[in-house]
Amino acid sequence: MSDFERETRTTTVETPPSDSVTYVRSGSGAGPWILAAVVAVIAIIAVVWMMNSRTAPTNDEISAAMDQSRAAGYVEGASTALSNVQPQTTLPAPTVDTGSVVASQQAAADARAAAERAAESAQSAATSASANTNTDTSTNTTP
């Protein structure tokens, strides 16, 4: 019997002598296996397409990310400065240490400077990356 032929099984169960019930079960053949193979092939093609359709970030996206990181640096520096000053503000006025206020202001300034350096570094990396992708390789000839 080949894989594509249908198989039919018939079972007869005798209940009372006057009644008989017949159950018929048909074999399914290769149809479900073919359908499963088609679904698997489509899934593999979809995964390959998704993996190959990724694109590099645009300059606008890089710029937006730099702005966001710069803002995050400002917020972090400000919160650090605030957390350094806040415990001192609960003390009476004459005992406030102006040195810690100055140190926290310096820490905030250092955080801002670090955020600026990180943004400049990201900008230079983006510029060099876009310059590398925009070069014409046909002009580079080796002797």
C-alpha atoms as a PDB file:
ATOM      1  CA  MET A   1       0.000   0.000   0.000  1.00  0.00           C
ATOM      2  CA  SER A   2       1.520   3.403  -0.929  1.00  0.00           C
ATOM      3  CA  ASP A   3       1.595   6.487   1.295  1.00  0.00           C
ATOM      4  CA  PHE A   4      -1.123   8.236  -0.680  1.00  0.00           C
ATOM      5  CA  GLU A   5      -3.809   5.543  -0.481  1.00  0.00           C
ATOM      6  CA  ARG A   6      -6.594   5.917   2.060  1.00  0.00           C
ATOM      7  CA  GLU A   7      -7.023   3.323   4.691  1.00  0.00           C
ATOM      8  CA  THR A   8     -10.484   2.554   5.978  1.00  0.00           C
ATOM      9  CA  ARG A   9     -11.170   0.549   9.108  1.00  0.00           C
ATOM     10  CA  THR A  10     -14.621  -0.687   9.957  1.00  0.00           C
ATOM     11  CA  THR A  11     -15.507  -1.938  13.406  1.00  0.00           C
ATOM     12  CA  THR A  12     -18.859  -3.495  14.158  1.00  0.00           C
ATOM     13  CA  VAL A  13     -20.020  -3.737  17.724  1.00  0.00           C
ATOM     14  CA  GLU A  14     -22.977  -5.905  18.563  1.00  0.00           C
ATOM     15  CA  THR A  15     -25.172  -4.491  21.292  1.00  0.00           C
ATOM     16  CA  PRO A  16     -28.561  -6.149  21.676  1.00  0.00           C
ATOM     17  CA  PRO A  17     -29.323  -8.768  19.061  1.00  0.00           C
ATOM     18  CA  SER A  18     -31.590  -6.433  17.102  1.00  0.00           C
ATOM     19  CA  ASP A  19     -29.286  -3.386  17.003  1.00  0.00           C
ATOM     20  CA  SER A  20     -25.822  -3.057  15.567  1.00  0.00           C
ATOM     21  CA  VAL A  21     -23.579   0.015  15.579  1.00  0.00           C
ATOM     22  CA  THR A  22     -20.883   0.491  12.971  1.00  0.00           C
ATOM     23  CA  TYR A  23     -17.914   2.821  13.519  1.00  0.00           C
ATOM     24  CA  VAL A  24     -15.959   3.845  10.424  1.00  0.00           C
ATOM     25  CA  ARG A  25     -12.521   5.445  10.722  1.00  0.00           C
ATOM     26  CA  SER A  26     -10.673   6.731   7.677  1.00  0.00           C
ATOM     27  CA  GLY A  27      -6.913   7.132   7.504  1.00  0.00           C
ATOM     28  CA  SER A  28      -5.682  10.633   6.747  1.00  0.00           C
ATOM     29  CA  GLY A  29      -2.892   9.862   4.305  1.00  0.00           C
ATOM     30  CA  ALA A  30      -0.109  12.339   3.502  1.00  0.00           C
ATOM     31  CA  GLY A  31      -2.185  15.553   3.445  1.00  0.00           C
ATOM     32  CA  PRO A  32      -1.352  16.764   6.954  1.00  0.00           C
ATOM     33  CA  TRP A  33       2.341  15.990   6.458  1.00  0.00           C
ATOM     34  CA  ILE A  34       2.427  18.048   3.271  1.00  0.00           C
ATOM     35  CA  LEU A  35       0.645  20.920   5.007  1.00  0.00           C
ATOM     36  CA  ALA A  36       3.112  20.785   7.927  1.00  0.00           C
ATOM     37  CA  ALA A  37       6.051  20.842   5.506  1.00  0.00           C
ATOM     38  CA  VAL A  38       4.642  23.896   3.699  1.00  0.00           C
ATOM     39  CA  VAL A  39       4.125  25.740   7.001  1.00  0.00           C
ATOM     40  CA  ALA A  40       7.698  24.900   8.090  1.00  0.00           C
ATOM     41  CA  VAL A  41       9.171  26.170   4.819  1.00  0.00           C
ATOM     42  CA  ILE A  42       7.184  29.414   5.091  1.00  0.00           C
ATOM     43  CA  ALA A  43       8.383  29.881   8.686  1.00  0.00           C
ATOM     44  CA  ILE A  44      12.027  29.373   7.678  1.00  0.00           C
ATOM     45  CA  ILE A  45      11.677  31.861   4.814  1.00  0.00           C
ATOM     46  CA  ALA A  46      10.085  34.402   7.191  1.00  0.00           C
ATOM     47  CA  VAL A  47      12.942  34.084   9.705  1.00  0.00           C
ATOM     48  CA  VAL A  48      15.585  34.478   6.989  1.00  0.00           C
ATOM     49  CA  TRP A  49      13.788  37.529   5.597  1.00  0.00           C
ATOM     50  CA  MET A  50      13.519  39.153   9.050  1.00  0.00           C
ATOM     51  CA  MET A  51      17.204  38.580   9.761  1.00  0.00           C
ATOM     52  CA  ASN A  52      18.280  40.099   6.428  1.00  0.00           C
ATOM     53  CA  SER A  53      15.935  43.097   6.462  1.00  0.00           C
ATOM     54  CA  ARG A  54      17.606  44.863   9.395  1.00  0.00           C
ATOM     55  CA  THR A  55      19.070  48.254   8.484  1.00  0.00           C
ATOM     56  CA  ALA A  56      21.726  50.456  10.043  1.00  0.00           C
ATOM     57  CA  PRO A  57      20.490  53.415  12.094  1.00  0.00           C
ATOM     58  CA  THR A  58      20.131  56.713  10.255  1.00  0.00           C
ATOM     59  CA  ASN A  59      21.925  59.896  11.246  1.00  0.00           C
ATOM     60  CA  ASP A  60      18.660  61.270  12.656  1.00  0.00           C
ATOM     61  CA  GLU A  61      18.270  58.209  14.886  1.00  0.00           C
ATOM     62  CA  ILE A  62      21.872  58.531  16.080  1.00  0.00           C
ATOM     63  CA  SER A  63      21.368  62.223  16.780  1.00  0.00           C
ATOM     64  CA  ALA A  64      18.201  61.514  18.758  1.00  0.00           C
ATOM     65  CA  ALA A  65      20.028  58.864  20.803  1.00  0.00           C
ATOM     66  CA  MET A  66      22.848  61.313  21.570  1.00  0.00           C
ATOM     67  CA  ASP A  67      20.371  63.970  22.683  1.00  0.00           C
ATOM     68  CA  GLN A  68      18.618  61.446  24.885  1.00  0.00           C
ATOM     69  CA  SER A  69      21.887  60.306  26.486  1.00  0.00           C
ATOM     70  CA  ARG A  70      22.937  63.918  27.041  1.00  0.00           C
ATOM     71  CA  ALA A  71      19.645  64.636  28.800  1.00  0.00           C
ATOM     72  CA  ALA A  72      20.022  61.484  30.892  1.00  0.00           C
ATOM     73  CA  GLY A  73      23.501  62.649  31.919  1.00  0.00           C
ATOM     74  CA  TYR A  74      22.132  66.021  33.003  1.00  0.00           C
ATOM     75  CA  VAL A  75      19.390  64.392  35.040  1.00  0.00           C
ATOM     76  CA  GLU A  76      21.797  61.960  36.679  1.00  0.00           C
ATOM     77  CA  GLY A  77      24.233  64.748  37.533  1.00  0.00           C
ATOM     78  CA  ALA A  78      21.472  66.885  38.966  1.00  0.00           C
ATOM     79  CA  SER A  79      20.064  64.025  41.037  1.00  0.00           C
ATOM     80  CA  THR A  80      23.548  63.230  42.358  1.00  0.00           C
ATOM     81  CA  ALA A  81      24.050  66.847  43.324  1.00  0.00           C
ATOM     82  CA  LEU A  82      20.619  66.975  44.936  1.00  0.00           C
ATOM     83  CA  SER A  83      21.179  63.774  46.909  1.00  0.00           C
ATOM     84  CA  ASN A  84      24.502  65.123  48.194  1.00  0.00           C
ATOM     85  CA  VAL A  85      22.937  68.409  49.303  1.00  0.00           C
ATOM     86  CA  GLN A  86      19.579  67.133  50.572  1.00  0.00           C
ATOM     87  CA  PRO A  87      20.739  65.479  53.843  1.00  0.00           C
ATOM     88  CA  GLN A  88      22.565  68.675  54.777  1.00  0.00           C
ATOM     89  CA  THR A  89      19.478  70.868  54.342  1.00  0.00           C
ATOM     90  CA  THR A  90      17.670  69.152  57.231  1.00  0.00           C
ATOM     91  CA  LEU A  91      20.290  70.389  59.688  1.00  0.00           C
ATOM     92  CA  PRO A  92      20.136  73.828  61.271  1.00  0.00           C
ATOM     93  CA  ALA A  93      21.460  76.614  59.021  1.00  0.00           C
ATOM     94  CA  PRO A  94      24.783  77.303  60.795  1.00  0.00           C
ATOM     95  CA  THR A  95      25.921  73.661  60.541  1.00  0.00           C
ATOM     96  CA  VAL A  96      25.465  73.319  56.746  1.00  0.00           C
ATOM     97  CA  ASP A  97      28.799  72.403  55.217  1.00  0.00           C
ATOM     98  CA  THR A  98      29.401  74.640  52.216  1.00  0.00           C
ATOM     99  CA  GLY A  99      32.204  72.333  51.126  1.00  0.00           C
ATOM    100  CA  SER A 100      29.770  69.513  50.405  1.00  0.00           C
ATOM    101  CA  VAL A 101      27.536  71.904  48.452  1.00  0.00           C
ATOM    102  CA  VAL A 102      30.498  72.971  46.351  1.00  0.00           C
ATOM    103  CA  ALA A 103      31.575  69.343  45.918  1.00  0.00           C
ATOM    104  CA  SER A 104      28.097  68.329  44.766  1.00  0.00           C
ATOM    105  CA  GLN A 105      27.984  71.237  42.330  1.00  0.00           C
ATOM    106  CA  GLN A 106      31.368  70.134  41.016  1.00  0.00           C
ATOM    107  CA  ALA A 107      30.072  66.557  40.674  1.00  0.00           C
ATOM    108  CA  ALA A 108      27.094  67.835  38.684  1.00  0.00           C
ATOM    109  CA  ALA A 109      29.401  69.833  36.424  1.00  0.00           C
ATOM    110  CA  ASP A 110      31.621  66.760  35.960  1.00  0.00           C
ATOM    111  CA  ALA A 111      28.575  64.679  35.051  1.00  0.00           C
ATOM    112  CA  ARG A 112      27.504  67.288  32.481  1.00  0.00           C
ATOM    113  CA  ALA A 113      31.006  67.318  31.007  1.00  0.00           C
ATOM    114  CA  ALA A 114      31.061  63.510  30.841  1.00  0.00           C
ATOM    115  CA  ALA A 115      27.689  63.520  29.084  1.00  0.00           C
ATOM    116  CA  GLU A 116      28.985  66.090  26.573  1.00  0.00           C
ATOM    117  CA  ARG A 117      32.110  63.995  25.913  1.00  0.00           C
ATOM    118  CA  ALA A 118      29.991  60.886  25.408  1.00  0.00           C
ATOM    119  CA  ALA A 119      27.730  62.741  22.986  1.00  0.00           C
ATOM    120  CA  GLU A 120      30.712  64.077  21.031  1.00  0.00           C
ATOM    121  CA  SER A 121      32.254  60.615  20.910  1.00  0.00           C
ATOM    122  CA  ALA A 122      28.990  59.135  19.628  1.00  0.00           C
ATOM    123  CA  GLN A 123      28.725  61.912  17.038  1.00  0.00           C
ATOM    124  CA  SER A 124      32.252  61.286  15.766  1.00  0.00           C
ATOM    125  CA  ALA A 125      31.582  57.539  15.638  1.00  0.00           C
ATOM    126  CA  ALA A 126      28.388  58.162  13.673  1.00  0.00           C
ATOM    127  CA  THR A 127      30.187  60.473  11.281  1.00  0.00           C
ATOM    128  CA  SER A 128      32.980  57.982  10.662  1.00  0.00           C
ATOM    129  CA  ALA A 129      30.470  55.135  10.261  1.00  0.00           C
ATOM    130  CA  SER A 130      28.456  57.086   7.713  1.00  0.00           C
ATOM    131  CA  ALA A 131      31.659  58.066   5.918  1.00  0.00           C
ATOM    132  CA  ASN A 132      32.683  54.396   5.740  1.00  0.00           C
ATOM    133  CA  THR A 133      29.348  53.327   4.285  1.00  0.00           C
ATOM    134  CA  ASN A 134      29.262  56.162   1.741  1.00  0.00           C
ATOM    135  CA  THR A 135      32.728  55.556   0.216  1.00  0.00           C
ATOM    136  CA  ASP A 136      32.859  54.298  -3.343  1.00  0.00           C
ATOM    137  CA  THR A 137      34.950  51.139  -3.466  1.00  0.00           C
ATOM    138  CA  SER A 138      35.239  51.237  -7.267  1.00  0.00           C
ATOM    139  CA  THR A 139      37.842  54.038  -7.045  1.00  0.00           C
ATOM    140  CA  ASN A 140      40.098  51.954  -4.807  1.00  0.00           C
ATOM    141  CA  THR A 141      42.313  50.025  -7.181  1.00  0.00           C
ATOM    142  CA  THR A 142      45.321  47.989  -6.204  1.00  0.00           C
ATOM    143  CA  PRO A 143      48.311  47.768  -8.524  1.00  0.00           C
END
